[in-house]
Structure formats: structure tokens, C-alpha cells
N, C-alpha and C. Protein backbone atom coordinates (compact mmCIF):
# COMPACT_ATOMS: atom_id res chain seq x y z
N MET A 1 31.40 30.24 -56.80
CA MET A 1 31.62 29.36 -55.65
C MET A 1 31.61 27.92 -56.10
N ASN A 2 32.54 27.16 -55.66
CA ASN A 2 32.70 25.79 -56.09
C ASN A 2 31.90 24.87 -55.18
N THR A 3 30.70 24.54 -55.61
CA THR A 3 29.83 23.70 -54.78
C THR A 3 30.14 22.23 -54.93
N GLY A 4 30.84 21.88 -56.06
CA GLY A 4 31.13 20.47 -56.28
C GLY A 4 32.28 19.98 -55.44
N GLY A 5 33.20 20.91 -55.10
CA GLY A 5 34.36 20.50 -54.34
C GLY A 5 34.19 20.81 -52.88
N ILE A 6 35.31 21.07 -52.27
CA ILE A 6 35.31 21.32 -50.84
C ILE A 6 35.52 22.79 -50.56
N LEU A 7 36.28 23.48 -51.41
CA LEU A 7 36.73 24.82 -51.09
C LEU A 7 36.03 25.85 -51.95
N GLY A 8 35.53 26.92 -51.33
CA GLY A 8 35.01 28.09 -52.03
C GLY A 8 35.75 29.28 -51.54
N VAL A 9 35.40 30.48 -52.02
CA VAL A 9 36.10 31.69 -51.62
C VAL A 9 35.08 32.71 -51.15
N SER A 10 35.30 33.28 -49.99
CA SER A 10 34.41 34.31 -49.47
C SER A 10 34.85 35.66 -50.00
N PRO A 11 33.99 36.69 -49.90
CA PRO A 11 34.36 38.02 -50.41
C PRO A 11 35.58 38.60 -49.74
N GLY A 12 35.92 38.17 -48.53
CA GLY A 12 37.07 38.72 -47.83
C GLY A 12 38.34 37.94 -48.05
N ASN A 13 38.40 37.17 -49.14
CA ASN A 13 39.60 36.37 -49.45
C ASN A 13 39.89 35.33 -48.37
N VAL A 14 38.86 34.87 -47.70
CA VAL A 14 39.02 33.85 -46.67
C VAL A 14 38.48 32.54 -47.19
N PRO A 15 39.25 31.45 -47.11
CA PRO A 15 38.76 30.17 -47.63
C PRO A 15 37.57 29.66 -46.85
N VAL A 16 36.52 29.28 -47.55
CA VAL A 16 35.32 28.75 -46.92
C VAL A 16 35.12 27.33 -47.41
N TYR A 17 35.12 26.35 -46.52
CA TYR A 17 34.99 24.96 -46.88
C TYR A 17 33.53 24.53 -46.73
N HIS A 18 33.01 23.88 -47.77
CA HIS A 18 31.61 23.51 -47.79
C HIS A 18 31.40 22.08 -47.30
N GLY A 19 32.34 21.55 -46.61
CA GLY A 19 32.18 20.23 -46.03
C GLY A 19 32.57 20.29 -44.58
N THR A 20 32.81 19.14 -44.03
CA THR A 20 33.20 19.08 -42.61
C THR A 20 34.71 19.10 -42.45
N ASN A 21 35.45 19.13 -43.56
CA ASN A 21 36.90 19.03 -43.48
C ASN A 21 37.52 20.15 -42.66
N LEU A 22 37.09 21.40 -42.93
CA LEU A 22 37.67 22.54 -42.22
C LEU A 22 37.38 22.45 -40.73
N LYS A 23 36.14 22.09 -40.38
CA LYS A 23 35.79 22.01 -38.98
C LYS A 23 36.58 20.91 -38.27
N VAL A 24 36.78 19.79 -38.96
CA VAL A 24 37.54 18.69 -38.37
C VAL A 24 38.99 19.09 -38.17
N ILE A 25 39.59 19.69 -39.21
CA ILE A 25 40.98 20.13 -39.11
C ILE A 25 41.13 21.19 -38.04
N ASP A 26 40.21 22.18 -38.05
CA ASP A 26 40.29 23.26 -37.08
C ASP A 26 40.12 22.73 -35.65
N ARG A 27 39.23 21.76 -35.47
CA ARG A 27 39.03 21.19 -34.14
C ARG A 27 40.29 20.47 -33.65
N ARG A 28 40.93 19.74 -34.55
CA ARG A 28 42.16 19.04 -34.17
C ARG A 28 43.27 20.04 -33.81
N VAL A 29 43.35 21.11 -34.60
CA VAL A 29 44.35 22.14 -34.32
C VAL A 29 44.07 22.81 -32.99
N ARG A 30 42.80 23.09 -32.72
CA ARG A 30 42.43 23.71 -31.45
C ARG A 30 42.75 22.80 -30.27
N ILE A 31 42.49 21.51 -30.42
CA ILE A 31 42.79 20.57 -29.34
C ILE A 31 44.30 20.52 -29.08
N ALA A 32 45.08 20.44 -30.17
CA ALA A 32 46.54 20.44 -30.02
C ALA A 32 47.02 21.73 -29.37
N GLU A 33 46.42 22.86 -29.78
CA GLU A 33 46.79 24.15 -29.19
C GLU A 33 46.45 24.19 -27.71
N MET A 34 45.26 23.68 -27.36
CA MET A 34 44.84 23.69 -25.96
C MET A 34 45.76 22.83 -25.10
N VAL A 35 46.13 21.66 -25.62
CA VAL A 35 47.03 20.77 -24.88
C VAL A 35 48.38 21.43 -24.66
N LEU A 36 48.93 22.05 -25.72
CA LEU A 36 50.22 22.72 -25.60
C LEU A 36 50.15 23.88 -24.60
N ARG A 37 49.06 24.64 -24.65
CA ARG A 37 48.94 25.77 -23.72
C ARG A 37 48.79 25.29 -22.28
N CYS A 38 48.11 24.17 -22.07
CA CYS A 38 48.00 23.62 -20.72
C CYS A 38 49.36 23.14 -20.21
N VAL A 39 50.12 22.49 -21.10
CA VAL A 39 51.47 22.04 -20.73
C VAL A 39 52.35 23.23 -20.38
N ILE A 40 52.29 24.27 -21.22
CA ILE A 40 53.10 25.46 -20.99
C ILE A 40 52.71 26.14 -19.69
N CYS A 41 51.41 26.25 -19.46
CA CYS A 41 50.95 26.89 -18.23
C CYS A 41 51.40 26.11 -16.99
N GLY A 42 51.19 24.79 -17.01
CA GLY A 42 51.55 23.98 -15.85
C GLY A 42 53.05 23.96 -15.58
N LEU A 43 53.83 23.71 -16.63
CA LEU A 43 55.28 23.65 -16.45
C LEU A 43 55.89 25.03 -16.21
N GLY A 44 55.25 26.07 -16.76
CA GLY A 44 55.73 27.43 -16.48
C GLY A 44 55.59 27.78 -15.01
N VAL A 45 54.43 27.42 -14.44
CA VAL A 45 54.22 27.64 -13.00
C VAL A 45 55.20 26.79 -12.19
N LEU A 46 55.40 25.54 -12.62
CA LEU A 46 56.33 24.65 -11.92
C LEU A 46 57.75 25.20 -11.94
N ALA A 47 58.20 25.66 -13.11
CA ALA A 47 59.56 26.20 -13.23
C ALA A 47 59.73 27.43 -12.35
N ALA A 48 58.75 28.33 -12.39
CA ALA A 48 58.83 29.54 -11.57
C ALA A 48 58.81 29.20 -10.09
N ALA A 49 58.00 28.21 -9.70
CA ALA A 49 57.92 27.82 -8.29
C ALA A 49 59.21 27.15 -7.82
N LEU A 50 59.77 26.27 -8.65
CA LEU A 50 61.00 25.57 -8.27
C LEU A 50 62.15 26.54 -8.05
N VAL A 51 62.31 27.45 -8.99
CA VAL A 51 63.43 28.40 -8.89
C VAL A 51 63.14 29.48 -7.85
N GLY A 52 61.90 29.98 -7.85
CA GLY A 52 61.56 31.08 -6.94
C GLY A 52 61.56 30.70 -5.48
N SER A 53 61.25 29.45 -5.18
CA SER A 53 61.19 29.01 -3.78
C SER A 53 62.50 28.36 -3.31
N ASP A 54 63.49 28.33 -4.17
CA ASP A 54 64.73 27.62 -3.86
C ASP A 54 65.65 28.46 -2.98
N THR A 55 65.98 27.95 -1.84
CA THR A 55 66.93 28.59 -0.93
C THR A 55 67.77 27.52 -0.23
N GLN A 56 68.96 27.91 0.18
CA GLN A 56 69.81 27.03 0.97
C GLN A 56 70.76 27.88 1.79
N VAL A 57 70.87 27.54 3.06
CA VAL A 57 71.72 28.29 3.99
C VAL A 57 72.95 27.46 4.32
N LYS A 58 74.13 28.07 4.23
CA LYS A 58 75.39 27.42 4.58
C LYS A 58 76.14 28.27 5.60
N LEU A 59 76.84 27.60 6.48
CA LEU A 59 77.66 28.29 7.47
C LEU A 59 79.10 28.33 6.94
N ILE A 60 79.55 29.52 6.58
CA ILE A 60 80.87 29.71 6.01
C ILE A 60 81.67 30.64 6.92
N PHE A 61 82.72 30.11 7.53
CA PHE A 61 83.55 30.89 8.45
C PHE A 61 82.70 31.56 9.52
N SER A 62 81.81 30.76 10.15
CA SER A 62 80.94 31.22 11.24
C SER A 62 79.93 32.27 10.78
N VAL A 63 79.75 32.42 9.50
CA VAL A 63 78.77 33.37 8.96
C VAL A 63 77.77 32.60 8.10
N GLN A 64 76.49 32.81 8.34
CA GLN A 64 75.46 32.16 7.56
C GLN A 64 75.28 32.87 6.21
N LYS A 65 75.41 32.11 5.16
CA LYS A 65 75.21 32.63 3.81
C LYS A 65 74.02 31.90 3.17
N GLU A 66 73.05 32.67 2.73
CA GLU A 66 71.86 32.09 2.12
C GLU A 66 71.90 32.28 0.61
N ALA A 67 71.72 31.20 -0.12
CA ALA A 67 71.63 31.26 -1.58
C ALA A 67 70.17 31.29 -1.99
N LYS A 68 69.79 32.24 -2.82
CA LYS A 68 68.43 32.33 -3.31
C LYS A 68 68.45 32.84 -4.74
N PHE A 69 67.33 32.70 -5.43
CA PHE A 69 67.32 33.00 -6.86
C PHE A 69 67.56 34.48 -7.17
N THR A 70 67.27 35.35 -6.21
CA THR A 70 67.47 36.78 -6.43
C THR A 70 68.95 37.16 -6.47
N ASP A 71 69.83 36.22 -6.09
CA ASP A 71 71.26 36.50 -6.16
C ASP A 71 71.78 36.47 -7.59
N MET A 72 71.02 35.88 -8.50
CA MET A 72 71.42 35.79 -9.91
C MET A 72 70.34 36.42 -10.78
N LYS A 73 70.71 37.42 -11.55
CA LYS A 73 69.76 38.12 -12.40
C LYS A 73 69.13 37.18 -13.44
N ALA A 74 69.92 36.22 -13.91
CA ALA A 74 69.40 35.28 -14.92
C ALA A 74 68.27 34.44 -14.35
N LEU A 75 68.36 34.04 -13.08
CA LEU A 75 67.31 33.25 -12.47
C LEU A 75 66.07 34.11 -12.21
N MET A 76 66.27 35.37 -11.87
CA MET A 76 65.13 36.28 -11.72
C MET A 76 64.40 36.43 -13.06
N PHE A 77 65.17 36.57 -14.12
CA PHE A 77 64.59 36.67 -15.45
C PHE A 77 63.81 35.41 -15.80
N LEU A 78 64.35 34.25 -15.42
CA LEU A 78 63.69 32.97 -15.71
C LEU A 78 62.35 32.87 -14.99
N VAL A 79 62.33 33.26 -13.73
CA VAL A 79 61.10 33.21 -12.94
C VAL A 79 60.05 34.14 -13.52
N ILE A 80 60.44 35.37 -13.82
CA ILE A 80 59.50 36.35 -14.36
C ILE A 80 58.98 35.91 -15.72
N ALA A 81 59.88 35.44 -16.58
CA ALA A 81 59.48 35.03 -17.93
C ALA A 81 58.49 33.86 -17.88
N ASN A 82 58.76 32.88 -17.04
CA ASN A 82 57.86 31.73 -16.96
C ASN A 82 56.52 32.10 -16.32
N GLY A 83 56.54 33.05 -15.41
CA GLY A 83 55.28 33.54 -14.84
C GLY A 83 54.42 34.24 -15.89
N ILE A 84 55.07 35.06 -16.73
CA ILE A 84 54.35 35.76 -17.79
C ILE A 84 53.79 34.77 -18.81
N VAL A 85 54.61 33.82 -19.22
CA VAL A 85 54.18 32.84 -20.23
C VAL A 85 53.05 31.96 -19.68
N ALA A 86 53.12 31.60 -18.40
CA ALA A 86 52.06 30.78 -17.80
C ALA A 86 50.73 31.53 -17.79
N ALA A 87 50.77 32.81 -17.41
CA ALA A 87 49.54 33.61 -17.41
C ALA A 87 48.99 33.80 -18.82
N TYR A 88 49.89 34.05 -19.75
CA TYR A 88 49.50 34.22 -21.16
C TYR A 88 48.85 32.94 -21.70
N SER A 89 49.43 31.79 -21.39
CA SER A 89 48.89 30.52 -21.87
C SER A 89 47.56 30.19 -21.20
N LEU A 90 47.41 30.58 -19.94
CA LEU A 90 46.14 30.35 -19.24
C LEU A 90 45.00 31.10 -19.91
N ILE A 91 45.26 32.36 -20.27
CA ILE A 91 44.23 33.19 -20.92
C ILE A 91 43.84 32.57 -22.27
N HIS A 92 44.84 32.20 -23.07
CA HIS A 92 44.55 31.63 -24.38
C HIS A 92 44.00 30.21 -24.27
N GLY A 93 44.32 29.53 -23.18
CA GLY A 93 43.73 28.22 -22.96
C GLY A 93 42.22 28.31 -22.79
N PHE A 94 41.76 29.32 -22.04
CA PHE A 94 40.33 29.55 -21.90
C PHE A 94 39.69 29.89 -23.24
N ARG A 95 40.42 30.65 -24.07
CA ARG A 95 39.91 30.99 -25.40
C ARG A 95 39.72 29.73 -26.23
N CYS A 96 40.67 28.81 -26.14
CA CYS A 96 40.57 27.55 -26.89
C CYS A 96 39.39 26.72 -26.41
N VAL A 97 39.18 26.67 -25.10
CA VAL A 97 38.06 25.90 -24.55
C VAL A 97 36.74 26.48 -25.02
N VAL A 98 36.61 27.81 -24.98
CA VAL A 98 35.36 28.46 -25.42
C VAL A 98 35.10 28.19 -26.89
N SER A 99 36.14 28.30 -27.73
CA SER A 99 35.97 28.07 -29.16
C SER A 99 35.60 26.62 -29.46
N LEU A 100 36.15 25.67 -28.67
CA LEU A 100 35.79 24.26 -28.86
C LEU A 100 34.35 24.00 -28.45
N ILE A 101 33.92 24.63 -27.39
CA ILE A 101 32.53 24.44 -26.93
C ILE A 101 31.55 25.02 -27.94
N ARG A 102 31.88 26.20 -28.45
CA ARG A 102 31.00 26.84 -29.42
C ARG A 102 31.10 26.23 -30.81
N GLY A 103 32.21 25.54 -31.09
CA GLY A 103 32.41 24.96 -32.41
C GLY A 103 32.71 25.99 -33.48
N SER A 104 33.25 27.14 -33.04
CA SER A 104 33.55 28.21 -33.98
C SER A 104 34.87 27.96 -34.69
N VAL A 105 35.01 28.56 -35.89
CA VAL A 105 36.21 28.44 -36.69
C VAL A 105 36.85 29.81 -36.80
N LEU A 106 38.18 29.87 -36.63
CA LEU A 106 38.89 31.14 -36.68
C LEU A 106 38.95 31.67 -38.11
N PHE A 107 38.26 32.81 -38.36
CA PHE A 107 38.30 33.45 -39.67
C PHE A 107 38.82 34.88 -39.58
N SER A 108 39.02 35.39 -38.37
CA SER A 108 39.44 36.78 -38.19
C SER A 108 40.95 36.92 -38.37
N LYS A 109 41.34 37.62 -39.42
CA LYS A 109 42.77 37.82 -39.65
C LYS A 109 43.44 38.67 -38.57
N PRO A 110 42.81 39.78 -38.12
CA PRO A 110 43.45 40.56 -37.04
C PRO A 110 43.68 39.73 -35.77
N LEU A 111 42.69 38.89 -35.41
CA LEU A 111 42.85 38.04 -34.23
C LEU A 111 43.96 37.01 -34.44
N ALA A 112 44.00 36.43 -35.64
CA ALA A 112 45.04 35.44 -35.95
C ALA A 112 46.42 36.09 -35.91
N TRP A 113 46.54 37.31 -36.42
CA TRP A 113 47.81 38.03 -36.36
C TRP A 113 48.20 38.33 -34.91
N ALA A 114 47.23 38.71 -34.09
CA ALA A 114 47.52 39.03 -32.69
C ALA A 114 48.01 37.79 -31.94
N ILE A 115 47.36 36.64 -32.19
CA ILE A 115 47.77 35.39 -31.53
C ILE A 115 49.16 34.98 -32.01
N PHE A 116 49.38 35.07 -33.32
CA PHE A 116 50.68 34.70 -33.89
C PHE A 116 51.80 35.58 -33.32
N SER A 117 51.57 36.89 -33.27
CA SER A 117 52.58 37.81 -32.76
C SER A 117 52.86 37.56 -31.28
N GLY A 118 51.79 37.35 -30.51
CA GLY A 118 51.97 37.08 -29.08
C GLY A 118 52.75 35.80 -28.83
N ASP A 119 52.43 34.75 -29.60
CA ASP A 119 53.14 33.48 -29.44
C ASP A 119 54.61 33.61 -29.83
N GLN A 120 54.89 34.40 -30.87
CA GLN A 120 56.28 34.62 -31.27
C GLN A 120 57.07 35.32 -30.16
N VAL A 121 56.47 36.35 -29.59
CA VAL A 121 57.14 37.10 -28.51
C VAL A 121 57.41 36.18 -27.32
N MET A 122 56.42 35.37 -26.94
CA MET A 122 56.58 34.47 -25.80
C MET A 122 57.63 33.39 -26.08
N ALA A 123 57.69 32.92 -27.32
CA ALA A 123 58.69 31.92 -27.67
C ALA A 123 60.10 32.48 -27.52
N TYR A 124 60.32 33.69 -28.05
CA TYR A 124 61.63 34.32 -27.93
C TYR A 124 61.96 34.63 -26.47
N LEU A 125 60.95 35.04 -25.70
CA LEU A 125 61.17 35.37 -24.29
C LEU A 125 61.62 34.14 -23.51
N THR A 126 60.94 33.02 -23.71
CA THR A 126 61.31 31.80 -22.97
C THR A 126 62.67 31.26 -23.40
N LEU A 127 62.96 31.32 -24.70
CA LEU A 127 64.26 30.86 -25.17
C LEU A 127 65.40 31.70 -24.59
N ALA A 128 65.19 33.02 -24.55
CA ALA A 128 66.21 33.91 -23.99
C ALA A 128 66.41 33.64 -22.50
N ALA A 129 65.32 33.42 -21.79
CA ALA A 129 65.41 33.17 -20.34
C ALA A 129 66.13 31.86 -20.05
N VAL A 130 65.81 30.81 -20.81
CA VAL A 130 66.46 29.52 -20.60
C VAL A 130 67.94 29.60 -20.94
N ALA A 131 68.27 30.29 -22.03
CA ALA A 131 69.68 30.41 -22.43
C ALA A 131 70.49 31.14 -21.36
N ALA A 132 69.94 32.23 -20.84
CA ALA A 132 70.65 33.00 -19.80
C ALA A 132 70.81 32.18 -18.52
N ALA A 133 69.74 31.50 -18.12
CA ALA A 133 69.80 30.69 -16.90
C ALA A 133 70.76 29.51 -17.05
N ALA A 134 70.76 28.90 -18.23
CA ALA A 134 71.65 27.76 -18.47
C ALA A 134 73.11 28.19 -18.42
N GLN A 135 73.42 29.35 -18.98
CA GLN A 135 74.79 29.85 -18.94
C GLN A 135 75.23 30.12 -17.50
N SER A 136 74.36 30.73 -16.72
CA SER A 136 74.68 31.00 -15.32
C SER A 136 74.85 29.69 -14.54
N ALA A 137 74.02 28.69 -14.88
CA ALA A 137 74.12 27.40 -14.20
C ALA A 137 75.45 26.71 -14.49
N VAL A 138 75.93 26.85 -15.72
CA VAL A 138 77.23 26.26 -16.08
C VAL A 138 78.35 26.90 -15.27
N PHE A 139 78.31 28.22 -15.14
CA PHE A 139 79.33 28.90 -14.34
C PHE A 139 79.25 28.47 -12.88
N ALA A 140 78.02 28.31 -12.36
CA ALA A 140 77.86 27.89 -10.97
C ALA A 140 78.34 26.46 -10.75
N LYS A 141 78.18 25.62 -11.76
CA LYS A 141 78.55 24.22 -11.64
C LYS A 141 80.06 24.02 -11.78
N PHE A 142 80.64 24.65 -12.81
CA PHE A 142 82.05 24.39 -13.13
C PHE A 142 82.98 25.54 -12.77
N GLY A 143 82.41 26.70 -12.46
CA GLY A 143 83.24 27.85 -12.14
C GLY A 143 83.97 28.39 -13.36
N GLN A 144 84.87 29.33 -13.10
CA GLN A 144 85.71 29.89 -14.17
C GLN A 144 87.08 30.18 -13.57
N PRO A 145 88.00 29.20 -13.64
CA PRO A 145 89.31 29.35 -12.98
C PRO A 145 90.08 30.58 -13.45
N GLU A 146 89.96 30.92 -14.74
CA GLU A 146 90.70 32.07 -15.26
C GLU A 146 90.28 33.37 -14.58
N LEU A 147 89.02 33.44 -14.16
CA LEU A 147 88.52 34.63 -13.48
C LEU A 147 88.40 34.44 -11.98
N GLN A 148 88.88 33.28 -11.50
CA GLN A 148 88.83 32.93 -10.09
C GLN A 148 87.39 32.87 -9.56
N TRP A 149 86.46 32.39 -10.42
CA TRP A 149 85.08 32.18 -9.99
C TRP A 149 84.96 30.79 -9.42
N MET A 150 84.38 30.69 -8.23
CA MET A 150 84.28 29.42 -7.52
C MET A 150 83.18 28.54 -8.10
N GLN A 151 83.30 27.24 -7.83
CA GLN A 151 82.24 26.30 -8.17
C GLN A 151 81.20 26.33 -7.05
N ILE A 152 80.20 27.18 -7.24
CA ILE A 152 79.21 27.43 -6.18
C ILE A 152 78.43 26.16 -5.83
N CYS A 153 78.21 25.32 -6.81
CA CYS A 153 77.40 24.12 -6.56
C CYS A 153 78.09 23.13 -5.62
N ASN A 154 79.39 23.26 -5.45
CA ASN A 154 80.08 22.41 -4.47
C ASN A 154 79.65 22.76 -3.05
N MET A 155 79.23 24.00 -2.84
CA MET A 155 78.80 24.44 -1.51
C MET A 155 77.29 24.39 -1.36
N TYR A 156 76.58 24.69 -2.44
CA TYR A 156 75.11 24.75 -2.41
C TYR A 156 74.54 23.69 -3.36
N GLY A 157 74.75 22.45 -3.00
CA GLY A 157 74.33 21.35 -3.86
C GLY A 157 72.82 21.26 -4.03
N LYS A 158 72.09 21.37 -2.93
CA LYS A 158 70.62 21.29 -2.98
C LYS A 158 70.05 22.43 -3.82
N PHE A 159 70.59 23.61 -3.61
CA PHE A 159 70.12 24.78 -4.35
C PHE A 159 70.32 24.58 -5.86
N CYS A 160 71.47 24.11 -6.24
CA CYS A 160 71.77 23.92 -7.67
C CYS A 160 70.92 22.81 -8.28
N THR A 161 70.65 21.77 -7.49
CA THR A 161 69.82 20.67 -8.01
C THR A 161 68.41 21.14 -8.31
N GLN A 162 67.85 21.92 -7.41
CA GLN A 162 66.48 22.42 -7.62
C GLN A 162 66.43 23.43 -8.76
N VAL A 163 67.46 24.25 -8.88
CA VAL A 163 67.53 25.19 -10.01
C VAL A 163 67.60 24.42 -11.32
N GLY A 164 68.38 23.32 -11.32
CA GLY A 164 68.48 22.50 -12.52
C GLY A 164 67.13 21.92 -12.93
N GLU A 165 66.35 21.50 -11.95
CA GLU A 165 65.01 20.99 -12.24
C GLU A 165 64.12 22.09 -12.82
N GLY A 166 64.26 23.30 -12.28
CA GLY A 166 63.48 24.42 -12.79
C GLY A 166 63.87 24.78 -14.22
N ILE A 167 65.17 24.74 -14.51
CA ILE A 167 65.64 25.04 -15.87
C ILE A 167 65.16 23.97 -16.85
N ALA A 168 65.15 22.71 -16.42
CA ALA A 168 64.66 21.63 -17.28
C ALA A 168 63.19 21.83 -17.61
N SER A 169 62.39 22.21 -16.62
CA SER A 169 60.98 22.49 -16.86
C SER A 169 60.81 23.68 -17.80
N ALA A 170 61.64 24.71 -17.59
CA ALA A 170 61.57 25.90 -18.44
C ALA A 170 61.98 25.57 -19.88
N LEU A 171 62.91 24.63 -20.04
CA LEU A 171 63.32 24.22 -21.39
C LEU A 171 62.16 23.56 -22.14
N ILE A 172 61.41 22.71 -21.44
CA ILE A 172 60.24 22.09 -22.06
C ILE A 172 59.21 23.16 -22.42
N VAL A 173 59.06 24.15 -21.55
CA VAL A 173 58.15 25.27 -21.82
C VAL A 173 58.56 26.00 -23.10
N SER A 174 59.84 26.29 -23.23
CA SER A 174 60.31 27.03 -24.40
C SER A 174 60.13 26.23 -25.69
N LEU A 175 60.41 24.92 -25.64
CA LEU A 175 60.23 24.07 -26.82
C LEU A 175 58.75 23.97 -27.19
N SER A 176 57.89 23.86 -26.17
CA SER A 176 56.45 23.82 -26.42
C SER A 176 55.96 25.15 -26.99
N MET A 177 56.56 26.24 -26.53
CA MET A 177 56.18 27.55 -27.04
C MET A 177 56.59 27.72 -28.49
N VAL A 178 57.73 27.17 -28.86
CA VAL A 178 58.16 27.21 -30.26
C VAL A 178 57.19 26.41 -31.13
N SER A 179 56.80 25.22 -30.66
CA SER A 179 55.82 24.40 -31.39
C SER A 179 54.49 25.12 -31.52
N LEU A 180 54.10 25.80 -30.46
CA LEU A 180 52.84 26.53 -30.47
C LEU A 180 52.88 27.71 -31.44
N SER A 181 54.02 28.38 -31.54
CA SER A 181 54.15 29.48 -32.48
C SER A 181 54.05 28.98 -33.92
N CYS A 182 54.56 27.78 -34.18
CA CYS A 182 54.41 27.18 -35.52
C CYS A 182 52.94 26.87 -35.80
N LEU A 183 52.23 26.41 -34.78
CA LEU A 183 50.81 26.12 -34.94
C LEU A 183 50.00 27.38 -35.20
N SER A 184 50.33 28.45 -34.49
CA SER A 184 49.62 29.71 -34.72
C SER A 184 49.97 30.29 -36.08
N ALA A 185 51.18 30.03 -36.57
CA ALA A 185 51.54 30.46 -37.92
C ALA A 185 50.69 29.73 -38.95
N PHE A 186 50.45 28.42 -38.74
CA PHE A 186 49.58 27.67 -39.63
C PHE A 186 48.17 28.23 -39.61
N ASN A 187 47.65 28.54 -38.40
CA ASN A 187 46.31 29.11 -38.28
C ASN A 187 46.18 30.43 -39.00
N LEU A 188 47.26 31.21 -38.99
CA LEU A 188 47.23 32.52 -39.64
C LEU A 188 47.29 32.40 -41.15
N PHE A 189 48.29 31.70 -41.65
CA PHE A 189 48.55 31.72 -43.10
C PHE A 189 47.57 30.86 -43.89
N ARG A 190 46.82 29.98 -43.22
CA ARG A 190 45.79 29.25 -43.95
C ARG A 190 44.65 30.18 -44.34
N LEU A 191 44.51 31.32 -43.64
CA LEU A 191 43.46 32.28 -43.97
C LEU A 191 43.73 32.99 -45.29
N TYR A 192 44.97 32.92 -45.76
CA TYR A 192 45.32 33.59 -47.02
C TYR A 192 45.32 32.60 -48.19
N GLY A 193 44.84 31.39 -47.95
CA GLY A 193 44.83 30.39 -49.01
C GLY A 193 43.79 30.64 -50.08
N GLY A 194 42.81 31.51 -49.78
CA GLY A 194 41.76 31.75 -50.74
C GLY A 194 42.12 32.72 -51.84
N THR A 195 43.20 33.47 -51.68
CA THR A 195 43.57 34.49 -52.67
C THR A 195 43.94 33.86 -54.00
N LYS A 196 44.73 32.81 -53.95
CA LYS A 196 45.15 32.14 -55.18
C LYS A 196 43.96 31.51 -55.89
N GLU A 197 43.05 30.89 -55.10
CA GLU A 197 41.87 30.27 -55.68
C GLU A 197 40.99 31.29 -56.36
N LYS A 198 40.88 32.47 -55.76
CA LYS A 198 40.04 33.52 -56.33
C LYS A 198 40.61 34.03 -57.63
N ASN A 199 41.94 34.16 -57.69
CA ASN A 199 42.59 34.60 -58.92
C ASN A 199 42.41 33.58 -60.04
N ASN A 200 42.42 32.28 -59.68
CA ASN A 200 42.23 31.24 -60.69
C ASN A 200 40.82 31.27 -61.26
N GLU A 201 39.82 31.60 -60.42
CA GLU A 201 38.44 31.64 -60.89
C GLU A 201 38.22 32.80 -61.87
N ARG A 202 39.00 33.88 -61.73
CA ARG A 202 38.84 35.01 -62.64
C ARG A 202 39.26 34.63 -64.05
N TRP A 203 40.18 33.68 -64.17
CA TRP A 203 40.63 33.25 -65.50
C TRP A 203 39.62 32.25 -66.09
């Protein structure tokens, strides 16, 4: 064990720092993670609420036509995906708060793998939902003359505006989720930093 420096190696190939450096770095990472998860949770709820509550009624040829998010599968997917991600971030946000209060450092590889895998799945889920919703929004805004698809937003302007706000919020959620997955990757792979050090000590 290297008592003169900062880094030693535990029997489980996990880097053990004999100073305050690891705790300081880990605390900063946890704070950044907590902030990102709070942003994701808040904006995820906002995106789901904006799109899910959006309706507009128009009178077309003496018939009332109501536009709502359930009319487009992509918007339904967006609402569900953001609801799932918001709940997921809320749970892990509590985990971050507890770990900060206790001052604990993440050393469990199975837990780090579980967090990393979950964040990756949520990142791909949000990106897919935003991409699908954005494509549908483009068709609604500009139509498709070759297929005789109408420009729906010309008739349902308020509905399209609120959907656009929801998609913008969901885009920030997806970008934050990508950043968070990179952070969880750092938390995971730093646990394997002790293997090389251990091999060097054998020589």
C-alpha cells in the first residue's frame, strides 16, 4: 500500500485514496449528478404535462374537432417516456441526497453497473422519443404535399405551440440524460483504475 502518495489498492481491485482527494472529487460528482437528476425530473414532468394536457377544439364544417396528444402515437410515446425518466431521476435523486448526507463513496461495482446501464437506457429512450415527436411536429407544421397531408398547425395553432414547448423541454431532458450517462460512466470506470496500479506493484 502506498502510504506516501494518494492512491493505494484494495484487495478487490478498487482504488482507495488515502487523502481527501477522492472524497472531494466524489462529492463534486454527486452534486453534479444530483443537479442533473433534479433538472431531468423537473423538465420531464413539465414536458409530459405540457403535451399531455394540450387540447384545442375547432369547428370544421359545423363539426367540432378536438386535437389532443393521443391523436399522435409519437406524442403519446413522448409523454410516457418523459414520465418514466422523471420517476427514474426522482428515485436516483433521493439516492444522491442520502449519499451526500452520509458522506459515503461509491465502491460497489454491481451498483455502479446498474446505475450506468439504467442511465444508458433512459438516455436512448428520451432521444428516441424526442426524435419521433420532432418528426411528427415537422409534418404537422409543414405538411407533406406529395402525400396530400395537410398543415395541421394552420388550424390548431395553440395546440402546436404548446406541443413545441413540450418538445423543447424534452430535448433538454434528453441532452441532460446523455450528460448524466457520461457521468455515470466515469463513476463506473474509475473503479477499475486500481488494476493497473496493482499490476505495477507486483513488478
